Amino acid sequence: MKLFFDFVPILIFFLGYKFFGIFVATAIAIFCSFIQLAFYWFKFRRIDTMTLVSCIIITVLGGFTLLLHNVMFIKWKPTILYFVFSLALLLSGFFAKQSLLQRMLGQTLKLPAAIWRRLNYVWVGFFMLLAILNLYVAYHFSTSTWVNFKLFGIMGLTLLFLLVQGIYIAKFIDTSNIKGNES
């Protein structure tokens, strides 16, 4: 559900761009970020850290995009966000007892500590790859291509990454406790 909720602003940004252009889409993205924060607050009585960081970045860079009428600021937003995520995961792997990834998913998945560490570093690499790809597309292609890449390219890469990750971790999940799996 959270993945879908995080996808909605990207879709709205995409539609805003297609119908009204990059500057209106940027204003819509900023507005949607604040709507997300409000939703989290009213539903959970807390603010999701990743959503807050994303809101700050979109507000600052989107604000510069609108104020200076320069699309490169908004194009940098995904790169900075992915870099922040990558850095947070990397630092948690070095300095915390449990990685950030394990703290986020450890209640749902029971995996050996070595696998959690490996997954954490794979996510670090994945976010760095997305950050670099975003910059490459932002500087070498049109804004229209960048918007399409932001929606379809990054989403496709993320879904592929999640599929490969799911296949990888499936062999480490103990299914003997699942109801209906008695042998």
N, C-alpha and C. Protein backbone atom coordinates (compact mmCIF):
# COMPACT_ATOMS: atom_id res chain seq x y z
N MET A 1 0.82 -1.20 0.00
CA MET A 1 0.00 0.00 0.00
C MET A 1 0.86 1.26 0.00
N LYS A 2 1.94 1.25 0.79
CA LYS A 2 2.81 2.42 0.85
C LYS A 2 3.48 2.68 -0.50
N LEU A 3 3.87 1.59 -1.18
CA LEU A 3 4.48 1.75 -2.49
C LEU A 3 3.52 2.45 -3.45
N PHE A 4 2.25 2.05 -3.43
CA PHE A 4 1.24 2.69 -4.28
C PHE A 4 1.08 4.16 -3.87
N PHE A 5 1.02 4.41 -2.57
CA PHE A 5 0.84 5.76 -2.07
C PHE A 5 2.01 6.65 -2.48
N ASP A 6 3.22 6.09 -2.50
CA ASP A 6 4.40 6.85 -2.93
C ASP A 6 4.44 7.04 -4.44
N PHE A 7 3.76 6.17 -5.18
CA PHE A 7 3.72 6.25 -6.63
C PHE A 7 2.76 7.33 -7.13
N VAL A 8 1.70 7.58 -6.40
CA VAL A 8 0.65 8.51 -6.84
C VAL A 8 1.21 9.90 -7.18
N PRO A 9 2.07 10.53 -6.35
CA PRO A 9 2.59 11.85 -6.72
C PRO A 9 3.41 11.83 -8.02
N ILE A 10 4.11 10.73 -8.28
CA ILE A 10 4.87 10.63 -9.52
C ILE A 10 3.91 10.60 -10.71
N LEU A 11 2.84 9.84 -10.57
CA LEU A 11 1.83 9.77 -11.62
C LEU A 11 1.16 11.12 -11.83
N ILE A 12 0.85 11.81 -10.75
CA ILE A 12 0.22 13.13 -10.85
C ILE A 12 1.19 14.13 -11.49
N PHE A 13 2.47 14.06 -11.14
CA PHE A 13 3.49 14.90 -11.76
C PHE A 13 3.53 14.64 -13.27
N PHE A 14 3.53 13.36 -13.64
CA PHE A 14 3.55 12.96 -15.05
C PHE A 14 2.35 13.54 -15.80
N LEU A 15 1.16 13.37 -15.23
CA LEU A 15 -0.06 13.88 -15.87
C LEU A 15 -0.05 15.41 -15.93
N GLY A 16 0.42 16.04 -14.86
CA GLY A 16 0.53 17.50 -14.86
C GLY A 16 1.46 17.98 -15.97
N TYR A 17 2.56 17.27 -16.15
CA TYR A 17 3.50 17.64 -17.22
C TYR A 17 2.87 17.47 -18.59
N LYS A 18 2.21 16.34 -18.80
CA LYS A 18 1.62 16.05 -20.11
C LYS A 18 0.54 17.06 -20.50
N PHE A 19 -0.23 17.53 -19.52
CA PHE A 19 -1.33 18.44 -19.83
C PHE A 19 -0.99 19.93 -19.67
N PHE A 20 -0.06 20.25 -18.77
CA PHE A 20 0.17 21.67 -18.46
C PHE A 20 1.63 22.11 -18.54
N GLY A 21 2.58 21.19 -18.65
CA GLY A 21 3.98 21.56 -18.73
C GLY A 21 4.72 21.35 -17.42
N ILE A 22 6.01 21.54 -17.49
CA ILE A 22 6.89 21.19 -16.37
C ILE A 22 6.68 22.08 -15.16
N PHE A 23 6.37 23.35 -15.35
CA PHE A 23 6.27 24.25 -14.21
C PHE A 23 4.99 24.00 -13.41
N VAL A 24 3.90 23.76 -14.09
CA VAL A 24 2.66 23.40 -13.38
C VAL A 24 2.84 22.05 -12.70
N ALA A 25 3.48 21.10 -13.40
CA ALA A 25 3.72 19.78 -12.82
C ALA A 25 4.57 19.89 -11.56
N THR A 26 5.54 20.79 -11.57
CA THR A 26 6.39 21.00 -10.40
C THR A 26 5.58 21.55 -9.23
N ALA A 27 4.73 22.54 -9.50
CA ALA A 27 3.88 23.10 -8.44
C ALA A 27 2.94 22.02 -7.89
N ILE A 28 2.40 21.20 -8.77
CA ILE A 28 1.52 20.10 -8.34
C ILE A 28 2.30 19.11 -7.47
N ALA A 29 3.54 18.81 -7.85
CA ALA A 29 4.36 17.87 -7.07
C ALA A 29 4.62 18.41 -5.67
N ILE A 30 4.89 19.69 -5.56
CA ILE A 30 5.11 20.29 -4.24
C ILE A 30 3.83 20.18 -3.41
N PHE A 31 2.71 20.53 -3.99
CA PHE A 31 1.41 20.44 -3.31
C PHE A 31 1.13 19.01 -2.85
N CYS A 32 1.35 18.05 -3.74
CA CYS A 32 1.10 16.63 -3.40
C CYS A 32 1.99 16.16 -2.26
N SER A 33 3.20 16.66 -2.19
CA SER A 33 4.10 16.28 -1.10
C SER A 33 3.54 16.71 0.26
N PHE A 34 2.96 17.90 0.30
CA PHE A 34 2.36 18.35 1.55
C PHE A 34 1.09 17.58 1.88
N ILE A 35 0.35 17.19 0.84
CA ILE A 35 -0.83 16.35 1.05
C ILE A 35 -0.41 15.00 1.64
N GLN A 36 0.67 14.43 1.13
CA GLN A 36 1.19 13.17 1.68
C GLN A 36 1.55 13.31 3.15
N LEU A 37 2.24 14.38 3.49
CA LEU A 37 2.62 14.60 4.89
C LEU A 37 1.38 14.70 5.77
N ALA A 38 0.41 15.46 5.31
CA ALA A 38 -0.83 15.61 6.09
C ALA A 38 -1.53 14.27 6.24
N PHE A 39 -1.57 13.49 5.18
CA PHE A 39 -2.21 12.18 5.24
C PHE A 39 -1.52 11.30 6.28
N TYR A 40 -0.19 11.24 6.24
CA TYR A 40 0.55 10.44 7.23
C TYR A 40 0.25 10.90 8.65
N TRP A 41 0.21 12.21 8.82
CA TRP A 41 -0.03 12.74 10.16
C TRP A 41 -1.41 12.36 10.68
N PHE A 42 -2.43 12.54 9.86
CA PHE A 42 -3.80 12.25 10.30
C PHE A 42 -4.07 10.76 10.43
N LYS A 43 -3.43 9.95 9.61
CA LYS A 43 -3.68 8.51 9.65
C LYS A 43 -2.86 7.82 10.76
N PHE A 44 -1.58 8.20 10.90
CA PHE A 44 -0.69 7.48 11.82
C PHE A 44 -0.21 8.31 13.01
N ARG A 45 -0.53 9.60 13.02
CA ARG A 45 -0.08 10.53 14.06
C ARG A 45 1.45 10.60 14.15
N ARG A 46 2.06 10.42 13.00
CA ARG A 46 3.51 10.58 12.88
C ARG A 46 3.81 10.92 11.43
N ILE A 47 5.01 11.38 11.19
CA ILE A 47 5.44 11.70 9.83
C ILE A 47 6.49 10.68 9.42
N ASP A 48 6.28 10.05 8.28
CA ASP A 48 7.24 9.10 7.72
C ASP A 48 8.50 9.87 7.32
N THR A 49 9.66 9.42 7.78
CA THR A 49 10.92 10.13 7.55
C THR A 49 11.23 10.27 6.06
N MET A 50 11.06 9.19 5.30
CA MET A 50 11.36 9.26 3.87
C MET A 50 10.43 10.24 3.15
N THR A 51 9.18 10.27 3.57
CA THR A 51 8.23 11.21 2.96
C THR A 51 8.59 12.64 3.32
N LEU A 52 9.03 12.87 4.56
CA LEU A 52 9.44 14.21 4.98
C LEU A 52 10.67 14.67 4.20
N VAL A 53 11.66 13.81 4.06
CA VAL A 53 12.87 14.16 3.31
C VAL A 53 12.51 14.48 1.86
N SER A 54 11.67 13.65 1.26
CA SER A 54 11.24 13.88 -0.12
C SER A 54 10.50 15.21 -0.24
N CYS A 55 9.64 15.51 0.73
CA CYS A 55 8.90 16.77 0.70
C CYS A 55 9.84 17.97 0.79
N ILE A 56 10.81 17.89 1.65
CA ILE A 56 11.78 19.00 1.77
C ILE A 56 12.54 19.19 0.46
N ILE A 57 13.01 18.09 -0.12
CA ILE A 57 13.79 18.19 -1.36
C ILE A 57 12.93 18.73 -2.49
N ILE A 58 11.71 18.22 -2.63
CA ILE A 58 10.84 18.69 -3.72
C ILE A 58 10.46 20.15 -3.52
N THR A 59 10.27 20.56 -2.27
CA THR A 59 9.90 21.95 -2.00
C THR A 59 11.05 22.89 -2.34
N VAL A 60 12.26 22.53 -1.92
CA VAL A 60 13.42 23.39 -2.19
C VAL A 60 13.74 23.42 -3.68
N LEU A 61 13.94 22.24 -4.27
CA LEU A 61 14.33 22.21 -5.69
C LEU A 61 13.18 22.63 -6.60
N GLY A 62 11.98 22.22 -6.25
CA GLY A 62 10.82 22.67 -7.03
C GLY A 62 10.62 24.16 -6.91
N GLY A 63 10.86 24.69 -5.71
CA GLY A 63 10.77 26.13 -5.51
C GLY A 63 11.77 26.88 -6.37
N PHE A 64 13.01 26.39 -6.41
CA PHE A 64 14.02 27.01 -7.28
C PHE A 64 13.63 26.89 -8.75
N THR A 65 13.06 25.75 -9.13
CA THR A 65 12.60 25.57 -10.51
C THR A 65 11.58 26.63 -10.88
N LEU A 66 10.62 26.84 -10.00
CA LEU A 66 9.56 27.82 -10.27
C LEU A 66 10.07 29.26 -10.18
N LEU A 67 10.88 29.53 -9.17
CA LEU A 67 11.39 30.88 -8.96
C LEU A 67 12.33 31.32 -10.08
N LEU A 68 13.25 30.43 -10.46
CA LEU A 68 14.26 30.78 -11.47
C LEU A 68 13.88 30.33 -12.88
N HIS A 69 12.74 29.63 -12.98
CA HIS A 69 12.27 29.12 -14.27
C HIS A 69 13.34 28.27 -14.95
N ASN A 70 13.95 27.38 -14.16
CA ASN A 70 15.04 26.51 -14.64
C ASN A 70 14.69 25.07 -14.29
N VAL A 71 14.46 24.24 -15.31
CA VAL A 71 14.01 22.86 -15.08
C VAL A 71 15.09 21.96 -14.50
N MET A 72 16.33 22.37 -14.54
CA MET A 72 17.39 21.48 -14.03
C MET A 72 17.26 21.25 -12.52
N PHE A 73 16.71 22.19 -11.80
CA PHE A 73 16.54 21.97 -10.36
C PHE A 73 15.60 20.80 -10.09
N ILE A 74 14.47 20.75 -10.78
CA ILE A 74 13.53 19.66 -10.54
C ILE A 74 14.10 18.34 -11.07
N LYS A 75 14.90 18.41 -12.10
CA LYS A 75 15.52 17.20 -12.64
C LYS A 75 16.54 16.61 -11.66
N TRP A 76 17.11 17.44 -10.81
CA TRP A 76 18.07 16.97 -9.81
C TRP A 76 17.38 16.31 -8.62
N LYS A 77 16.11 16.56 -8.42
CA LYS A 77 15.39 16.05 -7.25
C LYS A 77 15.53 14.55 -7.06
N PRO A 78 15.26 13.70 -8.08
CA PRO A 78 15.41 12.26 -7.87
C PRO A 78 16.83 11.86 -7.51
N THR A 79 17.81 12.50 -8.14
CA THR A 79 19.21 12.16 -7.86
C THR A 79 19.55 12.45 -6.40
N ILE A 80 19.17 13.60 -5.92
CA ILE A 80 19.47 13.95 -4.53
C ILE A 80 18.71 13.02 -3.58
N LEU A 81 17.45 12.75 -3.87
CA LEU A 81 16.67 11.85 -3.03
C LEU A 81 17.30 10.45 -2.99
N TYR A 82 17.66 9.91 -4.15
CA TYR A 82 18.27 8.57 -4.19
C TYR A 82 19.63 8.56 -3.49
N PHE A 83 20.37 9.65 -3.61
CA PHE A 83 21.65 9.74 -2.92
C PHE A 83 21.45 9.75 -1.41
N VAL A 84 20.46 10.49 -0.94
CA VAL A 84 20.16 10.53 0.51
C VAL A 84 19.76 9.14 1.00
N PHE A 85 18.90 8.45 0.25
CA PHE A 85 18.49 7.09 0.64
C PHE A 85 19.71 6.17 0.67
N SER A 86 20.54 6.27 -0.36
CA SER A 86 21.72 5.43 -0.43
C SER A 86 22.66 5.68 0.74
N LEU A 87 22.88 6.93 1.05
CA LEU A 87 23.75 7.31 2.15
C LEU A 87 23.19 6.84 3.50
N ALA A 88 21.89 7.00 3.69
CA ALA A 88 21.25 6.56 4.94
C ALA A 88 21.40 5.04 5.11
N LEU A 89 21.18 4.29 4.04
CA LEU A 89 21.34 2.84 4.11
C LEU A 89 22.80 2.46 4.37
N LEU A 90 23.71 3.13 3.69
CA LEU A 90 25.13 2.84 3.86
C LEU A 90 25.58 3.10 5.29
N LEU A 91 25.21 4.25 5.83
CA LEU A 91 25.61 4.59 7.20
C LEU A 91 24.98 3.66 8.22
N SER A 92 23.73 3.26 7.98
CA SER A 92 23.08 2.34 8.92
C SER A 92 23.77 0.98 8.91
N GLY A 93 24.32 0.61 7.76
CA GLY A 93 25.05 -0.66 7.68
C GLY A 93 26.35 -0.64 8.46
N PHE A 94 26.94 0.54 8.58
CA PHE A 94 28.20 0.65 9.31
C PHE A 94 28.03 0.94 10.80
N PHE A 95 27.05 1.75 11.14
CA PHE A 95 26.98 2.28 12.49
C PHE A 95 25.82 1.78 13.36
N ALA A 96 24.90 1.05 12.79
CA ALA A 96 23.75 0.59 13.57
C ALA A 96 23.81 -0.92 13.77
N LYS A 97 23.18 -1.37 14.84
CA LYS A 97 23.13 -2.80 15.10
C LYS A 97 22.36 -3.52 13.99
N GLN A 98 21.27 -2.91 13.56
CA GLN A 98 20.49 -3.42 12.44
C GLN A 98 20.50 -2.36 11.34
N SER A 99 20.59 -2.80 10.10
CA SER A 99 20.55 -1.85 9.00
C SER A 99 19.17 -1.22 8.93
N LEU A 100 19.11 -0.10 8.26
CA LEU A 100 17.84 0.60 8.07
C LEU A 100 16.83 -0.31 7.35
N LEU A 101 17.31 -1.05 6.37
CA LEU A 101 16.44 -1.97 5.65
C LEU A 101 15.86 -3.03 6.57
N GLN A 102 16.69 -3.57 7.45
CA GLN A 102 16.21 -4.59 8.39
C GLN A 102 15.21 -3.99 9.37
N ARG A 103 15.46 -2.78 9.82
CA ARG A 103 14.50 -2.14 10.73
C ARG A 103 13.17 -1.89 10.06
N MET A 104 13.20 -1.58 8.76
CA MET A 104 11.96 -1.31 8.04
C MET A 104 11.19 -2.59 7.71
N LEU A 105 11.89 -3.66 7.39
CA LEU A 105 11.24 -4.88 6.91
C LEU A 105 11.39 -6.08 7.84
N GLY A 106 12.15 -5.92 8.91
CA GLY A 106 12.44 -7.04 9.80
C GLY A 106 11.24 -7.67 10.47
N GLN A 107 10.18 -6.91 10.65
CA GLN A 107 8.96 -7.47 11.25
C GLN A 107 8.24 -8.38 10.25
N THR A 108 8.41 -8.08 8.98
CA THR A 108 7.73 -8.84 7.94
C THR A 108 8.55 -10.03 7.47
N LEU A 109 9.85 -9.84 7.35
CA LEU A 109 10.74 -10.88 6.84
C LEU A 109 11.72 -11.31 7.93
N LYS A 110 11.87 -12.59 8.08
CA LYS A 110 12.87 -13.13 9.00
C LYS A 110 14.00 -13.70 8.16
N LEU A 111 15.13 -13.00 8.16
CA LEU A 111 16.28 -13.41 7.37
C LEU A 111 17.52 -13.42 8.24
N PRO A 112 18.53 -14.22 7.88
CA PRO A 112 19.79 -14.19 8.62
C PRO A 112 20.45 -12.81 8.53
N ALA A 113 21.21 -12.46 9.55
CA ALA A 113 21.84 -11.14 9.61
C ALA A 113 22.73 -10.87 8.39
N ALA A 114 23.45 -11.88 7.94
CA ALA A 114 24.34 -11.70 6.78
C ALA A 114 23.53 -11.35 5.52
N ILE A 115 22.36 -11.91 5.38
CA ILE A 115 21.51 -11.62 4.22
C ILE A 115 20.98 -10.20 4.32
N TRP A 116 20.59 -9.77 5.53
CA TRP A 116 20.14 -8.38 5.71
C TRP A 116 21.25 -7.41 5.33
N ARG A 117 22.48 -7.69 5.75
CA ARG A 117 23.61 -6.81 5.39
C ARG A 117 23.79 -6.76 3.87
N ARG A 118 23.76 -7.93 3.26
CA ARG A 118 23.94 -8.00 1.81
C ARG A 118 22.83 -7.22 1.09
N LEU A 119 21.59 -7.43 1.51
CA LEU A 119 20.47 -6.71 0.89
C LEU A 119 20.61 -5.21 1.08
N ASN A 120 21.04 -4.80 2.27
CA ASN A 120 21.22 -3.39 2.54
C ASN A 120 22.21 -2.77 1.56
N TYR A 121 23.34 -3.44 1.33
CA TYR A 121 24.35 -2.89 0.43
C TYR A 121 23.91 -2.97 -1.04
N VAL A 122 23.11 -3.96 -1.37
CA VAL A 122 22.56 -4.02 -2.73
C VAL A 122 21.61 -2.83 -2.96
N TRP A 123 20.81 -2.50 -1.94
CA TRP A 123 19.94 -1.33 -2.05
C TRP A 123 20.76 -0.04 -2.16
N VAL A 124 21.88 0.04 -1.44
CA VAL A 124 22.76 1.20 -1.57
C VAL A 124 23.18 1.36 -3.02
N GLY A 125 23.65 0.25 -3.62
CA GLY A 125 24.08 0.28 -5.01
C GLY A 125 22.94 0.62 -5.97
N PHE A 126 21.77 0.07 -5.70
CA PHE A 126 20.61 0.33 -6.57
C PHE A 126 20.24 1.81 -6.55
N PHE A 127 20.19 2.41 -5.36
CA PHE A 127 19.85 3.82 -5.29
C PHE A 127 20.93 4.70 -5.94
N MET A 128 22.19 4.31 -5.81
CA MET A 128 23.26 5.07 -6.47
C MET A 128 23.13 4.96 -7.99
N LEU A 129 22.79 3.75 -8.47
CA LEU A 129 22.59 3.56 -9.91
C LEU A 129 21.44 4.45 -10.41
N LEU A 130 20.33 4.46 -9.67
CA LEU A 130 19.21 5.32 -10.07
C LEU A 130 19.61 6.79 -10.08
N ALA A 131 20.39 7.21 -9.09
CA ALA A 131 20.84 8.61 -9.02
C ALA A 131 21.67 8.97 -10.25
N ILE A 132 22.58 8.10 -10.62
CA ILE A 132 23.45 8.35 -11.79
C ILE A 132 22.64 8.31 -13.08
N LEU A 133 21.76 7.32 -13.22
CA LEU A 133 20.92 7.24 -14.42
C LEU A 133 20.05 8.47 -14.57
N ASN A 134 19.49 8.95 -13.47
CA ASN A 134 18.65 10.14 -13.54
C ASN A 134 19.45 11.33 -14.07
N LEU A 135 20.65 11.52 -13.56
CA LEU A 135 21.48 12.64 -14.04
C LEU A 135 21.82 12.48 -15.51
N TYR A 136 22.15 11.26 -15.90
CA TYR A 136 22.48 11.01 -17.30
C TYR A 136 21.31 11.40 -18.21
N VAL A 137 20.13 10.92 -17.87
CA VAL A 137 18.94 11.23 -18.69
C VAL A 137 18.63 12.73 -18.62
N ALA A 138 18.76 13.33 -17.45
CA ALA A 138 18.46 14.76 -17.30
C ALA A 138 19.35 15.63 -18.18
N TYR A 139 20.62 15.26 -18.31
CA TYR A 139 21.56 16.09 -19.06
C TYR A 139 21.71 15.71 -20.53
N HIS A 140 21.30 14.53 -20.91
CA HIS A 140 21.51 14.08 -22.29
C HIS A 140 20.24 13.96 -23.13
N PHE A 141 19.08 14.16 -22.50
CA PHE A 141 17.82 13.99 -23.22
C PHE A 141 16.89 15.16 -22.91
N SER A 142 15.82 15.24 -23.65
CA SER A 142 14.84 16.32 -23.47
C SER A 142 14.10 16.16 -22.15
N THR A 143 13.43 17.23 -21.75
CA THR A 143 12.62 17.18 -20.53
C THR A 143 11.51 16.14 -20.67
N SER A 144 10.93 16.04 -21.83
CA SER A 144 9.87 15.05 -22.06
C SER A 144 10.40 13.63 -21.86
N THR A 145 11.58 13.35 -22.39
CA THR A 145 12.18 12.03 -22.20
C THR A 145 12.50 11.80 -20.73
N TRP A 146 12.99 12.83 -20.04
CA TRP A 146 13.30 12.69 -18.62
C TRP A 146 12.04 12.38 -17.81
N VAL A 147 10.94 13.06 -18.11
CA VAL A 147 9.68 12.81 -17.39
C VAL A 147 9.22 11.37 -17.63
N ASN A 148 9.30 10.92 -18.87
CA ASN A 148 8.93 9.53 -19.17
C ASN A 148 9.85 8.54 -18.46
N PHE A 149 11.15 8.83 -18.44
CA PHE A 149 12.09 7.98 -17.74
C PHE A 149 11.78 7.95 -16.25
N LYS A 150 11.47 9.10 -15.69
CA LYS A 150 11.16 9.20 -14.26
C LYS A 150 9.98 8.31 -13.90
N LEU A 151 8.96 8.27 -14.75
CA LEU A 151 7.79 7.43 -14.46
C LEU A 151 8.03 5.99 -14.88
N PHE A 152 8.31 5.77 -16.14
CA PHE A 152 8.36 4.41 -16.66
C PHE A 152 9.71 3.72 -16.46
N GLY A 153 10.79 4.44 -16.69
CA GLY A 153 12.12 3.84 -16.56
C GLY A 153 12.46 3.47 -15.13
N ILE A 154 12.32 4.43 -14.24
CA ILE A 154 12.65 4.18 -12.84
C ILE A 154 11.68 3.18 -12.23
N MET A 155 10.40 3.30 -12.58
CA MET A 155 9.42 2.33 -12.07
C MET A 155 9.74 0.93 -12.58
N GLY A 156 10.04 0.81 -13.86
CA GLY A 156 10.38 -0.50 -14.42
C GLY A 156 11.62 -1.10 -13.78
N LEU A 157 12.65 -0.28 -13.62
CA LEU A 157 13.87 -0.76 -12.97
C LEU A 157 13.60 -1.18 -11.53
N THR A 158 12.78 -0.42 -10.83
CA THR A 158 12.47 -0.74 -9.44
C THR A 158 11.68 -2.05 -9.35
N LEU A 159 10.70 -2.22 -10.21
CA LEU A 159 9.93 -3.48 -10.20
C LEU A 159 10.81 -4.67 -10.54
N LEU A 160 11.69 -4.51 -11.52
CA LEU A 160 12.63 -5.58 -11.88
C LEU A 160 13.55 -5.89 -10.70
N PHE A 161 14.05 -4.86 -10.07
CA PHE A 161 14.93 -5.03 -8.92
C PHE A 161 14.21 -5.77 -7.79
N LEU A 162 12.97 -5.37 -7.51
CA LEU A 162 12.19 -6.04 -6.46
C LEU A 162 11.92 -7.50 -6.80
N LEU A 163 11.67 -7.78 -8.06
CA LEU A 163 11.44 -9.17 -8.49
C LEU A 163 12.69 -10.01 -8.28
N VAL A 164 13.83 -9.51 -8.73
CA VAL A 164 15.09 -10.24 -8.56
C VAL A 164 15.40 -10.40 -7.07
N GLN A 165 15.18 -9.36 -6.30
CA GLN A 165 15.42 -9.44 -4.86
C GLN A 165 14.50 -10.47 -4.22
N GLY A 166 13.23 -10.51 -4.63
CA GLY A 166 12.28 -11.48 -4.09
C GLY A 166 12.70 -12.91 -4.39
N ILE A 167 13.16 -13.14 -5.61
CA ILE A 167 13.65 -14.47 -5.97
C ILE A 167 14.86 -14.84 -5.11
N TYR A 168 15.76 -13.88 -4.90
CA TYR A 168 16.95 -14.12 -4.11
C TYR A 168 16.60 -14.46 -2.65
N ILE A 169 15.73 -13.67 -2.04
CA ILE A 169 15.46 -13.90 -0.61
C ILE A 169 14.51 -15.07 -0.37
N ALA A 170 13.81 -15.51 -1.40
CA ALA A 170 12.85 -16.61 -1.23
C ALA A 170 13.53 -17.86 -0.69
N LYS A 171 14.76 -18.09 -1.08
CA LYS A 171 15.45 -19.30 -0.62
C LYS A 171 15.86 -19.22 0.85
N PHE A 172 15.79 -18.05 1.43
CA PHE A 172 16.16 -17.89 2.84
C PHE A 172 14.95 -17.84 3.78
N ILE A 173 13.76 -17.81 3.22
CA ILE A 173 12.56 -17.69 4.03
C ILE A 173 12.11 -19.08 4.47
N ASP A 174 11.88 -19.22 5.76
CA ASP A 174 11.42 -20.48 6.33
C ASP A 174 9.91 -20.57 6.14
N THR A 175 9.48 -21.48 5.28
CA THR A 175 8.06 -21.64 4.99
C THR A 175 7.42 -22.76 5.81
N SER A 176 8.17 -23.38 6.70
CA SER A 176 7.62 -24.51 7.47
C SER A 176 6.54 -24.06 8.46
N ASN A 177 6.52 -22.79 8.82
CA ASN A 177 5.52 -22.30 9.79
C ASN A 177 4.26 -21.78 9.12
N ILE A 178 4.23 -21.75 7.80
CA ILE A 178 3.08 -21.21 7.09
C ILE A 178 1.96 -22.25 7.11
N LYS A 179 0.77 -21.79 7.49
CA LYS A 179 -0.39 -22.67 7.59
C LYS A 179 -0.69 -23.29 6.21
N GLY A 180 -0.98 -24.57 6.22
CA GLY A 180 -1.28 -25.28 4.99
C GLY A 180 -0.06 -25.85 4.30
N ASN A 181 1.11 -25.65 4.90
CA ASN A 181 2.35 -26.13 4.31
C ASN A 181 2.93 -27.28 5.14
N GLU A 182 2.06 -28.01 5.82
CA GLU A 182 2.55 -29.12 6.63
C GLU A 182 2.89 -30.27 5.71
N SER A 183 4.08 -30.81 5.88
CA SER A 183 4.53 -31.90 5.01
C SER A 183 4.45 -33.22 5.70
